[in-house]
């Protein structure tokens, strides 16, 4: 994981699941079609990854692009824009309490 600094606290930050890998997972399109990966998919879909993370948002050619909501298995969540599978632009990161701290970050994300 990656250490993230937030309001004076350091915690291990969850990493997002990778797209375009050979590992299968469940992708359900808004039309109800079920796929085993996002490879080559463009449009809106809900995804459940093997690590317990979920994503509800837009894909372009198999990559998270545009608006979406990503919920980590830890229940931390990011709601905002994506570019090349990463948080990008304006978004909100909500950290769920785990005995360390809880809070939200509204801001601009970039690589």
C-alpha atoms as a PDB file:
ATOM      1  CA  UNK A   1       0.000   0.000   0.000  1.00  0.00           C
ATOM      2  CA  UNK A   2       0.845   3.664  -0.019  1.00  0.00           C
ATOM      3  CA  UNK A   3       1.016   5.875   3.033  1.00  0.00           C
ATOM      4  CA  UNK A   4      -1.433   8.753   2.911  1.00  0.00           C
ATOM      5  CA  UNK A   5      -1.173  11.829   5.116  1.00  0.00           C
ATOM      6  CA  UNK A   6      -4.485  13.234   6.315  1.00  0.00           C
ATOM      7  CA  UNK A   7      -4.998  15.824   9.045  1.00  0.00           C
ATOM      8  CA  UNK A   8      -1.737  14.898  10.747  1.00  0.00           C
ATOM      9  CA  UNK A   9      -2.387  11.139  10.672  1.00  0.00           C
ATOM     10  CA  UNK A  10      -0.613   8.613   8.513  1.00  0.00           C
ATOM     11  CA  UNK A  11      -2.387   5.463   7.426  1.00  0.00           C
ATOM     12  CA  UNK A  12      -1.983   2.768   4.839  1.00  0.00           C
ATOM     13  CA  UNK A  13      -4.087   3.686   1.820  1.00  0.00           C
ATOM     14  CA  UNK A  14      -5.780   0.995  -0.240  1.00  0.00           C
ATOM     15  CA  UNK A  15      -4.804   0.645  -3.874  1.00  0.00           C
ATOM     16  CA  UNK A  16      -7.442   0.444  -6.593  1.00  0.00           C
ATOM     17  CA  UNK A  17      -7.856  -2.794  -8.515  1.00  0.00           C
ATOM     18  CA  UNK A  18      -6.148  -2.815 -11.916  1.00  0.00           C
ATOM     19  CA  UNK A  19      -8.085  -2.866 -15.170  1.00  0.00           C
ATOM     20  CA  UNK A  20      -6.927  -4.708 -18.252  1.00  0.00           C
ATOM     21  CA  UNK A  21      -5.349  -7.572 -16.324  1.00  0.00           C
ATOM     22  CA  UNK A  22      -6.069 -11.229 -16.978  1.00  0.00           C
ATOM     23  CA  UNK A  23      -7.720 -11.649 -13.567  1.00  0.00           C
ATOM     24  CA  UNK A  24     -11.471 -12.150 -13.979  1.00  0.00           C
ATOM     25  CA  UNK A  25     -14.124 -10.223 -12.083  1.00  0.00           C
ATOM     26  CA  UNK A  26     -17.779  -9.305 -12.581  1.00  0.00           C
ATOM     27  CA  UNK A  27     -18.795  -6.332 -14.726  1.00  0.00           C
ATOM     28  CA  UNK A  28     -22.508  -5.659 -15.200  1.00  0.00           C
ATOM     29  CA  UNK A  29     -23.477  -3.121 -17.835  1.00  0.00           C
ATOM     30  CA  UNK A  30     -26.406  -0.744 -17.335  1.00  0.00           C
ATOM     31  CA  UNK A  31     -28.239  -2.854 -19.980  1.00  0.00           C
ATOM     32  CA  UNK A  32     -27.838  -5.912 -17.711  1.00  0.00           C
ATOM     33  CA  UNK A  33     -25.131  -7.723 -19.696  1.00  0.00           C
ATOM     34  CA  UNK A  34     -22.581  -9.523 -17.491  1.00  0.00           C
ATOM     35  CA  UNK A  35     -18.895  -9.709 -18.479  1.00  0.00           C
ATOM     36  CA  UNK A  36     -15.813 -11.215 -16.812  1.00  0.00           C
ATOM     37  CA  UNK A  37     -13.627  -8.124 -17.318  1.00  0.00           C
ATOM     38  CA  UNK A  38     -13.707  -4.587 -18.688  1.00  0.00           C
ATOM     39  CA  UNK A  39     -11.255  -5.269 -21.526  1.00  0.00           C
ATOM     40  CA  UNK A  40     -12.484  -3.369 -24.594  1.00  0.00           C
ATOM     41  CA  UNK A  41     -15.693  -2.196 -22.856  1.00  0.00           C
ATOM     42  CA  UNK A  42     -16.985   1.369 -23.218  1.00  0.00           C
ATOM     43  CA  UNK A  43     -20.000   2.644 -21.301  1.00  0.00           C
ATOM     44  CA  UNK A  44     -21.405   2.691 -17.776  1.00  0.00           C
ATOM     45  CA  UNK A  45     -21.170  -0.393 -15.574  1.00  0.00           C
ATOM     46  CA  UNK A  46     -20.997  -1.774 -12.045  1.00  0.00           C
ATOM     47  CA  UNK A  47     -17.937  -3.881 -11.209  1.00  0.00           C
ATOM     48  CA  UNK A  48     -17.072  -6.239  -8.356  1.00  0.00           C
ATOM     49  CA  UNK A  49     -13.352  -6.996  -8.132  1.00  0.00           C
ATOM     50  CA  UNK A  50     -11.832 -10.150  -6.562  1.00  0.00           C
ATOM     51  CA  UNK A  51     -10.269  -8.059  -3.751  1.00  0.00           C
ATOM     52  CA  UNK A  52     -13.741  -6.908  -2.583  1.00  0.00           C
ATOM     53  CA  UNK A  53     -13.606  -3.414  -4.147  1.00  0.00           C
ATOM     54  CA  UNK A  54     -16.501  -2.140  -6.274  1.00  0.00           C
ATOM     55  CA  UNK A  55     -16.806   0.526  -8.966  1.00  0.00           C
ATOM     56  CA  UNK A  56     -19.907   2.115 -10.456  1.00  0.00           C
ATOM     57  CA  UNK A  57     -19.110   4.446 -13.306  1.00  0.00           C
ATOM     58  CA  UNK A  58     -17.869   4.992 -16.821  1.00  0.00           C
ATOM     59  CA  UNK A  59     -15.317   3.031 -18.869  1.00  0.00           C
ATOM     60  CA  UNK A  60     -13.599   3.933 -22.133  1.00  0.00           C
ATOM     61  CA  UNK A  61     -12.070   0.952 -23.921  1.00  0.00           C
ATOM     62  CA  UNK A  62     -11.783  -0.977 -20.645  1.00  0.00           C
ATOM     63  CA  UNK A  63     -10.324   1.865 -18.561  1.00  0.00           C
ATOM     64  CA  UNK A  64     -12.057   3.855 -15.783  1.00  0.00           C
ATOM     65  CA  UNK A  65     -12.608   7.290 -17.383  1.00  0.00           C
ATOM     66  CA  UNK A  66     -14.972  10.105 -16.391  1.00  0.00           C
ATOM     67  CA  UNK A  67     -17.421  10.077 -13.484  1.00  0.00           C
ATOM     68  CA  UNK A  68     -17.578   7.156 -11.074  1.00  0.00           C
ATOM     69  CA  UNK A  69     -17.699   5.906  -7.512  1.00  0.00           C
ATOM     70  CA  UNK A  70     -15.062   3.479  -6.228  1.00  0.00           C
ATOM     71  CA  UNK A  71     -15.621   1.710  -2.900  1.00  0.00           C
ATOM     72  CA  UNK A  72     -12.647  -0.092  -1.385  1.00  0.00           C
ATOM     73  CA  UNK A  73     -13.094  -3.361   0.532  1.00  0.00           C
ATOM     74  CA  UNK A  74     -12.191  -1.282   3.625  1.00  0.00           C
ATOM     75  CA  UNK A  75     -15.368   0.784   2.881  1.00  0.00           C
ATOM     76  CA  UNK A  76     -13.302   3.921   2.174  1.00  0.00           C
ATOM     77  CA  UNK A  77     -14.784   5.476  -0.956  1.00  0.00           C
ATOM     78  CA  UNK A  78     -13.920   7.879  -3.737  1.00  0.00           C
ATOM     79  CA  UNK A  79     -16.648   9.667  -5.703  1.00  0.00           C
ATOM     80  CA  UNK A  80     -15.424  11.814  -8.551  1.00  0.00           C
ATOM     81  CA  UNK A  81     -13.578  11.851 -11.835  1.00  0.00           C
ATOM     82  CA  UNK A  82     -11.218   9.223 -13.209  1.00  0.00           C
ATOM     83  CA  UNK A  83      -8.593   9.304 -15.933  1.00  0.00           C
ATOM     84  CA  UNK A  84      -6.549   6.261 -16.987  1.00  0.00           C
ATOM     85  CA  UNK A  85      -7.941   4.274 -13.989  1.00  0.00           C
ATOM     86  CA  UNK A  86      -6.776   6.904 -11.475  1.00  0.00           C
ATOM     87  CA  UNK A  87      -8.500   9.612  -9.428  1.00  0.00           C
ATOM     88  CA  UNK A  88      -8.290  12.775 -11.496  1.00  0.00           C
ATOM     89  CA  UNK A  89      -9.772  16.234 -11.216  1.00  0.00           C
ATOM     90  CA  UNK A  90     -12.460  17.054  -8.673  1.00  0.00           C
ATOM     91  CA  UNK A  91     -13.538  14.308  -6.293  1.00  0.00           C
ATOM     92  CA  UNK A  92     -14.380  13.397  -2.730  1.00  0.00           C
ATOM     93  CA  UNK A  93     -12.475  10.745  -0.756  1.00  0.00           C
ATOM     94  CA  UNK A  94     -14.261   9.522   2.369  1.00  0.00           C
ATOM     95  CA  UNK A  95     -12.277   7.573   4.954  1.00  0.00           C
ATOM     96  CA  UNK A  96     -14.319   5.300   7.203  1.00  0.00           C
ATOM     97  CA  UNK A  97     -13.389   5.088  10.904  1.00  0.00           C
ATOM     98  CA  UNK A  98     -11.064   2.244  11.843  1.00  0.00           C
ATOM     99  CA  UNK A  99      -9.857   3.469  15.203  1.00  0.00           C
ATOM    100  CA  UNK A 100      -7.316   5.740  13.528  1.00  0.00           C
ATOM    101  CA  UNK A 101      -9.353   8.659  12.163  1.00  0.00           C
ATOM    102  CA  UNK A 102     -12.263   9.423   9.935  1.00  0.00           C
ATOM    103  CA  UNK A 103     -12.742  12.237   7.534  1.00  0.00           C
ATOM    104  CA  UNK A 104     -13.312  13.463   4.030  1.00  0.00           C
ATOM    105  CA  UNK A 105     -11.156  15.137   1.440  1.00  0.00           C
ATOM    106  CA  UNK A 106     -12.687  17.312  -1.249  1.00  0.00           C
ATOM    107  CA  UNK A 107     -10.174  18.403  -3.751  1.00  0.00           C
ATOM    108  CA  UNK A 108      -8.283  18.148  -6.958  1.00  0.00           C
ATOM    109  CA  UNK A 109      -6.567  14.819  -7.690  1.00  0.00           C
ATOM    110  CA  UNK A 110      -3.775  14.340 -10.159  1.00  0.00           C
ATOM    111  CA  UNK A 111      -1.142  11.708 -10.918  1.00  0.00           C
END
